[in-house]
C-alpha atoms as a PDB file:
ATOM      1  CA  UNK A   1     -39.896   1.300  35.144  1.00  0.00           C
ATOM      2  CA  UNK A   2     -42.971  -0.335  33.631  1.00  0.00           C
ATOM      3  CA  UNK A   3     -42.867  -3.590  31.711  1.00  0.00           C
ATOM      4  CA  UNK A   4     -44.144  -1.855  28.529  1.00  0.00           C
ATOM      5  CA  UNK A   5     -41.448   0.834  28.740  1.00  0.00           C
ATOM      6  CA  UNK A   6     -38.782  -1.874  29.146  1.00  0.00           C
ATOM      7  CA  UNK A   7     -40.025  -3.736  26.061  1.00  0.00           C
ATOM      8  CA  UNK A   8     -40.058  -0.496  24.017  1.00  0.00           C
ATOM      9  CA  UNK A   9     -36.514   0.306  25.114  1.00  0.00           C
ATOM     10  CA  UNK A  10     -35.319  -3.210  24.231  1.00  0.00           C
ATOM     11  CA  UNK A  11     -37.039  -3.018  20.825  1.00  0.00           C
ATOM     12  CA  UNK A  12     -35.370   0.340  20.139  1.00  0.00           C
ATOM     13  CA  UNK A  13     -31.945  -1.038  21.041  1.00  0.00           C
ATOM     14  CA  UNK A  14     -32.476  -4.047  18.756  1.00  0.00           C
ATOM     15  CA  UNK A  15     -33.614  -1.823  15.879  1.00  0.00           C
ATOM     16  CA  UNK A  16     -30.628   0.481  16.336  1.00  0.00           C
ATOM     17  CA  UNK A  17     -28.371  -2.580  16.315  1.00  0.00           C
ATOM     18  CA  UNK A  18     -29.898  -3.812  13.063  1.00  0.00           C
ATOM     19  CA  UNK A  19     -29.524  -0.372  11.452  1.00  0.00           C
ATOM     20  CA  UNK A  20     -25.899  -0.207  12.629  1.00  0.00           C
ATOM     21  CA  UNK A  21     -25.125  -3.650  11.175  1.00  0.00           C
ATOM     22  CA  UNK A  22     -26.824  -2.769   7.880  1.00  0.00           C
ATOM     23  CA  UNK A  23     -24.902   0.498   7.591  1.00  0.00           C
ATOM     24  CA  UNK A  24     -21.649  -1.237   8.536  1.00  0.00           C
ATOM     25  CA  UNK A  25     -22.216  -3.829   5.834  1.00  0.00           C
ATOM     26  CA  UNK A  26     -22.868  -1.092   3.265  1.00  0.00           C
ATOM     27  CA  UNK A  27     -19.779   0.833   4.307  1.00  0.00           C
ATOM     28  CA  UNK A  28     -17.625  -2.288   4.224  1.00  0.00           C
ATOM     29  CA  UNK A  29     -18.849  -3.283   0.784  1.00  0.00           C
ATOM     30  CA  UNK A  30     -18.246   0.245  -0.503  1.00  0.00           C
ATOM     31  CA  UNK A  31     -14.695   0.577   0.826  1.00  0.00           C
ATOM     32  CA  UNK A  32     -13.460  -2.986   0.268  1.00  0.00           C
ATOM     33  CA  UNK A  33     -15.182  -4.851  -2.559  1.00  0.00           C
ATOM     34  CA  UNK A  34     -12.188  -7.184  -2.834  1.00  0.00           C
ATOM     35  CA  UNK A  35     -13.039  -9.050   0.384  1.00  0.00           C
ATOM     36  CA  UNK A  36     -14.469 -12.517  -0.238  1.00  0.00           C
ATOM     37  CA  UNK A  37     -18.046 -12.642  -1.474  1.00  0.00           C
ATOM     38  CA  UNK A  38     -20.554 -15.018   0.137  1.00  0.00           C
ATOM     39  CA  UNK A  39     -20.159 -17.280  -2.912  1.00  0.00           C
ATOM     40  CA  UNK A  40     -16.394 -17.382  -2.460  1.00  0.00           C
ATOM     41  CA  UNK A  41     -16.801 -18.205   1.227  1.00  0.00           C
ATOM     42  CA  UNK A  42     -19.094 -21.113   0.290  1.00  0.00           C
ATOM     43  CA  UNK A  43     -16.632 -22.305  -2.386  1.00  0.00           C
ATOM     44  CA  UNK A  44     -13.771 -22.137   0.135  1.00  0.00           C
ATOM     45  CA  UNK A  45     -15.759 -24.149   2.683  1.00  0.00           C
ATOM     46  CA  UNK A  46     -16.576 -26.734   0.000  1.00  0.00           C
ATOM     47  CA  UNK A  47     -12.921 -27.000  -1.012  1.00  0.00           C
ATOM     48  CA  UNK A  48     -11.832 -27.363   2.609  1.00  0.00           C
ATOM     49  CA  UNK A  49     -14.339 -30.139   3.346  1.00  0.00           C
ATOM     50  CA  UNK A  50     -13.667 -31.921   0.064  1.00  0.00           C
ATOM     51  CA  UNK A  51      -9.891 -31.745   0.543  1.00  0.00           C
ATOM     52  CA  UNK A  52     -10.081 -33.132   4.079  1.00  0.00           C
ATOM     53  CA  UNK A  53     -12.289 -35.993   2.917  1.00  0.00           C
ATOM     54  CA  UNK A  54     -10.160 -36.866  -0.123  1.00  0.00           C
ATOM     55  CA  UNK A  55      -6.919 -36.696   1.850  1.00  0.00           C
ATOM     56  CA  UNK A  56      -8.329 -39.178   4.377  1.00  0.00           C
ATOM     57  CA  UNK A  57      -9.504 -41.485   1.595  1.00  0.00           C
ATOM     58  CA  UNK A  58      -6.348 -41.292  -0.525  1.00  0.00           C
ATOM     59  CA  UNK A  59      -3.705 -41.224   2.196  1.00  0.00           C
ATOM     60  CA  UNK A  60      -5.396 -43.321   4.912  1.00  0.00           C
ATOM     61  CA  UNK A  61      -3.834 -41.146   7.645  1.00  0.00           C
ATOM     62  CA  UNK A  62      -1.069 -42.860   9.500  1.00  0.00           C
ATOM     63  CA  UNK A  63      -0.681 -42.579  13.279  1.00  0.00           C
ATOM     64  CA  UNK A  64       1.881 -39.761  13.166  1.00  0.00           C
ATOM     65  CA  UNK A  65       0.086 -37.621  10.590  1.00  0.00           C
ATOM     66  CA  UNK A  66      -1.991 -34.520  11.057  1.00  0.00           C
ATOM     67  CA  UNK A  67      -3.020 -32.518   8.012  1.00  0.00           C
ATOM     68  CA  UNK A  68      -4.735 -29.161   8.324  1.00  0.00           C
ATOM     69  CA  UNK A  69      -6.438 -27.642   5.286  1.00  0.00           C
ATOM     70  CA  UNK A  70      -7.051 -23.885   5.112  1.00  0.00           C
ATOM     71  CA  UNK A  71      -8.589 -22.155   2.090  1.00  0.00           C
ATOM     72  CA  UNK A  72      -8.827 -18.471   1.139  1.00  0.00           C
ATOM     73  CA  UNK A  73     -10.235 -17.472  -2.264  1.00  0.00           C
ATOM     74  CA  UNK A  74      -9.434 -20.863  -3.754  1.00  0.00           C
ATOM     75  CA  UNK A  75      -5.851 -20.911  -2.513  1.00  0.00           C
ATOM     76  CA  UNK A  76      -5.235 -23.977  -0.336  1.00  0.00           C
ATOM     77  CA  UNK A  77      -2.661 -24.090   2.452  1.00  0.00           C
ATOM     78  CA  UNK A  78      -1.685 -27.501   3.813  1.00  0.00           C
ATOM     79  CA  UNK A  79       0.037 -27.487   7.198  1.00  0.00           C
ATOM     80  CA  UNK A  80       0.852 -30.128   9.768  1.00  0.00           C
ATOM     81  CA  UNK A  81       2.756 -33.370   9.669  1.00  0.00           C
ATOM     82  CA  UNK A  82       3.067 -36.216   7.208  1.00  0.00           C
ATOM     83  CA  UNK A  83       5.356 -39.228   7.323  1.00  0.00           C
ATOM     84  CA  UNK A  84       7.163 -39.096   3.946  1.00  0.00           C
ATOM     85  CA  UNK A  85       7.994 -36.684   1.129  1.00  0.00           C
ATOM     86  CA  UNK A  86       6.169 -39.007  -1.285  1.00  0.00           C
ATOM     87  CA  UNK A  87       2.962 -38.736   0.755  1.00  0.00           C
ATOM     88  CA  UNK A  88       3.435 -34.960   0.857  1.00  0.00           C
ATOM     89  CA  UNK A  89       3.528 -34.852  -2.964  1.00  0.00           C
ATOM     90  CA  UNK A  90       0.457 -37.077  -3.127  1.00  0.00           C
ATOM     91  CA  UNK A  91      -1.391 -34.667  -0.816  1.00  0.00           C
ATOM     92  CA  UNK A  92      -0.673 -31.796  -3.207  1.00  0.00           C
ATOM     93  CA  UNK A  93      -1.867 -33.806  -6.217  1.00  0.00           C
ATOM     94  CA  UNK A  94      -5.095 -34.807  -4.464  1.00  0.00           C
ATOM     95  CA  UNK A  95      -5.960 -31.219  -3.553  1.00  0.00           C
ATOM     96  CA  UNK A  96      -4.943 -29.698  -6.914  1.00  0.00           C
ATOM     97  CA  UNK A  97      -7.626 -31.738  -8.660  1.00  0.00           C
ATOM     98  CA  UNK A  98     -10.520 -30.321  -6.616  1.00  0.00           C
ATOM     99  CA  UNK A  99     -12.881 -27.986  -8.465  1.00  0.00           C
ATOM    100  CA  UNK A 100     -12.299 -24.249  -7.787  1.00  0.00           C
ATOM    101  CA  UNK A 101      -8.775 -24.795  -6.378  1.00  0.00           C
ATOM    102  CA  UNK A 102      -6.573 -22.108  -7.866  1.00  0.00           C
ATOM    103  CA  UNK A 103      -3.282 -22.970  -6.112  1.00  0.00           C
ATOM    104  CA  UNK A 104      -1.866 -25.225  -3.401  1.00  0.00           C
ATOM    105  CA  UNK A 105       0.796 -24.162  -0.906  1.00  0.00           C
ATOM    106  CA  UNK A 106       2.010 -27.382   0.722  1.00  0.00           C
ATOM    107  CA  UNK A 107       3.792 -26.643   4.004  1.00  0.00           C
ATOM    108  CA  UNK A 108       3.444 -30.159   5.408  1.00  0.00           C
ATOM    109  CA  UNK A 109       6.545 -31.285   7.249  1.00  0.00           C
ATOM    110  CA  UNK A 110       8.059 -34.699   7.823  1.00  0.00           C
ATOM    111  CA  UNK A 111       9.535 -33.586  11.168  1.00  0.00           C
ATOM    112  CA  UNK A 112       8.893 -35.406  14.417  1.00  0.00           C
ATOM    113  CA  UNK A 113       5.312 -35.799  15.577  1.00  0.00           C
ATOM    114  CA  UNK A 114       4.000 -32.897  17.652  1.00  0.00           C
ATOM    115  CA  UNK A 115       1.896 -33.538  20.696  1.00  0.00           C
ATOM    116  CA  UNK A 116      -1.044 -31.737  22.216  1.00  0.00           C
ATOM    117  CA  UNK A 117       1.121 -29.237  24.131  1.00  0.00           C
ATOM    118  CA  UNK A 118       2.899 -28.001  21.013  1.00  0.00           C
ATOM    119  CA  UNK A 119      -0.372 -27.684  19.094  1.00  0.00           C
ATOM    120  CA  UNK A 120      -1.961 -25.838  22.034  1.00  0.00           C
ATOM    121  CA  UNK A 121       0.985 -23.424  21.989  1.00  0.00           C
ATOM    122  CA  UNK A 122       0.276 -22.740  18.301  1.00  0.00           C
ATOM    123  CA  UNK A 123      -3.434 -22.185  19.046  1.00  0.00           C
ATOM    124  CA  UNK A 124      -2.580 -19.686  21.768  1.00  0.00           C
ATOM    125  CA  UNK A 125      -0.125 -17.921  19.463  1.00  0.00           C
ATOM    126  CA  UNK A 126      -2.768 -17.771  16.702  1.00  0.00           C
ATOM    127  CA  UNK A 127      -5.215 -16.141  19.125  1.00  0.00           C
ATOM    128  CA  UNK A 128      -2.592 -13.594  20.139  1.00  0.00           C
ATOM    129  CA  UNK A 129      -1.755 -12.767  16.510  1.00  0.00           C
ATOM    130  CA  UNK A 130      -5.433 -12.405  15.578  1.00  0.00           C
ATOM    131  CA  UNK A 131      -6.028 -10.100  18.546  1.00  0.00           C
ATOM    132  CA  UNK A 132      -3.075  -7.901  17.535  1.00  0.00           C
ATOM    133  CA  UNK A 133      -4.339  -7.631  13.956  1.00  0.00           C
ATOM    134  CA  UNK A 134      -7.930  -7.077  15.040  1.00  0.00           C
ATOM    135  CA  UNK A 135      -6.967  -4.183  17.316  1.00  0.00           C
ATOM    136  CA  UNK A 136      -4.531  -2.560  14.872  1.00  0.00           C
ATOM    137  CA  UNK A 137      -6.078   0.641  13.558  1.00  0.00           C
ATOM    138  CA  UNK A 138      -4.322   0.494  10.198  1.00  0.00           C
ATOM    139  CA  UNK A 139      -5.097  -3.141   9.268  1.00  0.00           C
ATOM    140  CA  UNK A 140      -8.380  -4.429   7.819  1.00  0.00           C
ATOM    141  CA  UNK A 141      -8.586  -7.778   9.632  1.00  0.00           C
ATOM    142  CA  UNK A 142     -11.311  -9.035   7.249  1.00  0.00           C
ATOM    143  CA  UNK A 143      -8.765  -9.237   4.431  1.00  0.00           C
ATOM    144  CA  UNK A 144      -6.638 -11.859   6.166  1.00  0.00           C
ATOM    145  CA  UNK A 145      -6.638 -15.345   7.605  1.00  0.00           C
ATOM    146  CA  UNK A 146      -3.879 -16.488   9.950  1.00  0.00           C
ATOM    147  CA  UNK A 147      -2.618 -20.040  10.401  1.00  0.00           C
ATOM    148  CA  UNK A 148       0.083 -20.872  12.938  1.00  0.00           C
ATOM    149  CA  UNK A 149       2.052 -24.105  12.659  1.00  0.00           C
ATOM    150  CA  UNK A 150       5.255 -24.792  14.609  1.00  0.00           C
ATOM    151  CA  UNK A 151       5.489 -21.093  15.456  1.00  0.00           C
ATOM    152  CA  UNK A 152       5.409 -20.099  11.797  1.00  0.00           C
ATOM    153  CA  UNK A 153       2.655 -17.641  10.917  1.00  0.00           C
ATOM    154  CA  UNK A 154       1.030 -18.116   7.520  1.00  0.00           C
ATOM    155  CA  UNK A 155      -0.660 -14.920   6.367  1.00  0.00           C
ATOM    156  CA  UNK A 156      -3.382 -15.660   3.832  1.00  0.00           C
ATOM    157  CA  UNK A 157      -5.566 -13.084   2.177  1.00  0.00           C
ATOM    158  CA  UNK A 158      -6.336 -10.624  -0.548  1.00  0.00           C
ATOM    159  CA  UNK A 159      -4.879  -7.173   0.038  1.00  0.00           C
ATOM    160  CA  UNK A 160      -2.474  -4.588  -1.299  1.00  0.00           C
ATOM    161  CA  UNK A 161       1.254  -5.138  -0.885  1.00  0.00           C
ATOM    162  CA  UNK A 162       1.322  -2.327   1.684  1.00  0.00           C
ATOM    163  CA  UNK A 163      -1.520  -3.868   3.714  1.00  0.00           C
ATOM    164  CA  UNK A 164       0.172  -7.275   3.692  1.00  0.00           C
ATOM    165  CA  UNK A 165       3.494  -5.709   4.691  1.00  0.00           C
ATOM    166  CA  UNK A 166       1.845  -3.867   7.592  1.00  0.00           C
ATOM    167  CA  UNK A 167       0.120  -7.055   8.797  1.00  0.00           C
ATOM    168  CA  UNK A 168       3.428  -8.921   8.455  1.00  0.00           C
ATOM    169  CA  UNK A 169       5.196  -6.313  10.583  1.00  0.00           C
ATOM    170  CA  UNK A 170       2.580  -6.633  13.327  1.00  0.00           C
ATOM    171  CA  UNK A 171       2.757 -10.439  13.277  1.00  0.00           C
ATOM    172  CA  UNK A 172       6.557 -10.462  13.223  1.00  0.00           C
ATOM    173  CA  UNK A 173       6.581  -8.521  16.494  1.00  0.00           C
ATOM    174  CA  UNK A 174       4.406 -11.030  18.373  1.00  0.00           C
ATOM    175  CA  UNK A 175       6.517 -12.964  20.837  1.00  0.00           C
ATOM    176  CA  UNK A 176       6.774 -16.613  19.816  1.00  0.00           C
ATOM    177  CA  UNK A 177       6.378 -16.109  16.052  1.00  0.00           C
ATOM    178  CA  UNK A 178       9.405 -17.623  14.305  1.00  0.00           C
ATOM    179  CA  UNK A 179       8.630 -16.504  10.757  1.00  0.00           C
ATOM    180  CA  UNK A 180       5.849 -14.987   8.671  1.00  0.00           C
ATOM    181  CA  UNK A 181       5.093 -16.736   5.396  1.00  0.00           C
ATOM    182  CA  UNK A 182       2.800 -14.875   3.006  1.00  0.00           C
ATOM    183  CA  UNK A 183       0.278 -16.928   1.040  1.00  0.00           C
ATOM    184  CA  UNK A 184      -1.280 -13.835  -0.500  1.00  0.00           C
ATOM    185  CA  UNK A 185      -3.094 -12.694  -3.567  1.00  0.00           C
ATOM    186  CA  UNK A 186      -2.373  -9.038  -4.113  1.00  0.00           C
ATOM    187  CA  UNK A 187      -4.881  -6.385  -5.125  1.00  0.00           C
ATOM    188  CA  UNK A 188      -3.771  -4.385  -8.131  1.00  0.00           C
ATOM    189  CA  UNK A 189      -3.593  -0.727  -7.266  1.00  0.00           C
ATOM    190  CA  UNK A 190      -4.775   1.823  -9.794  1.00  0.00           C
END
């Protein structure tokens, strides 16, 4: 095969890929306009960064604390460990005052400190759950975000009640998941 023919073939494959991505984007936007817009994604990233920074400044993390901030459409989920109930309440107050925050779900625990092994187990479980949802034919993975902490699966997103229930059922059947906690905003069905 000549060098010119190889370049033409590569160019054609790239162009077909671009057309496929463009058509996929159009189809996705037509069938699911409720998925986060680019502006919402930027707002969520801002909230997440701002919350992490303010929590460090206000709480001066103690040795046995680990706070994870996850945001989906302005809804903030706090998971991890904190040393006292008072500090947990302070964390909620700090995050509630950030611009564009619509709600805070504080799931911080004052339980014993968790080491690297336990957190790695949660990371592995999160990967397994995401893979199950991604490969499920009847679940739109783009509508959800999954956070695993201490074996509890937090399902965040914007979907219909039926879609959230289906995702919950899939997650519930993953070995190692203790409970599924929904931190959802539901789409109104017409």
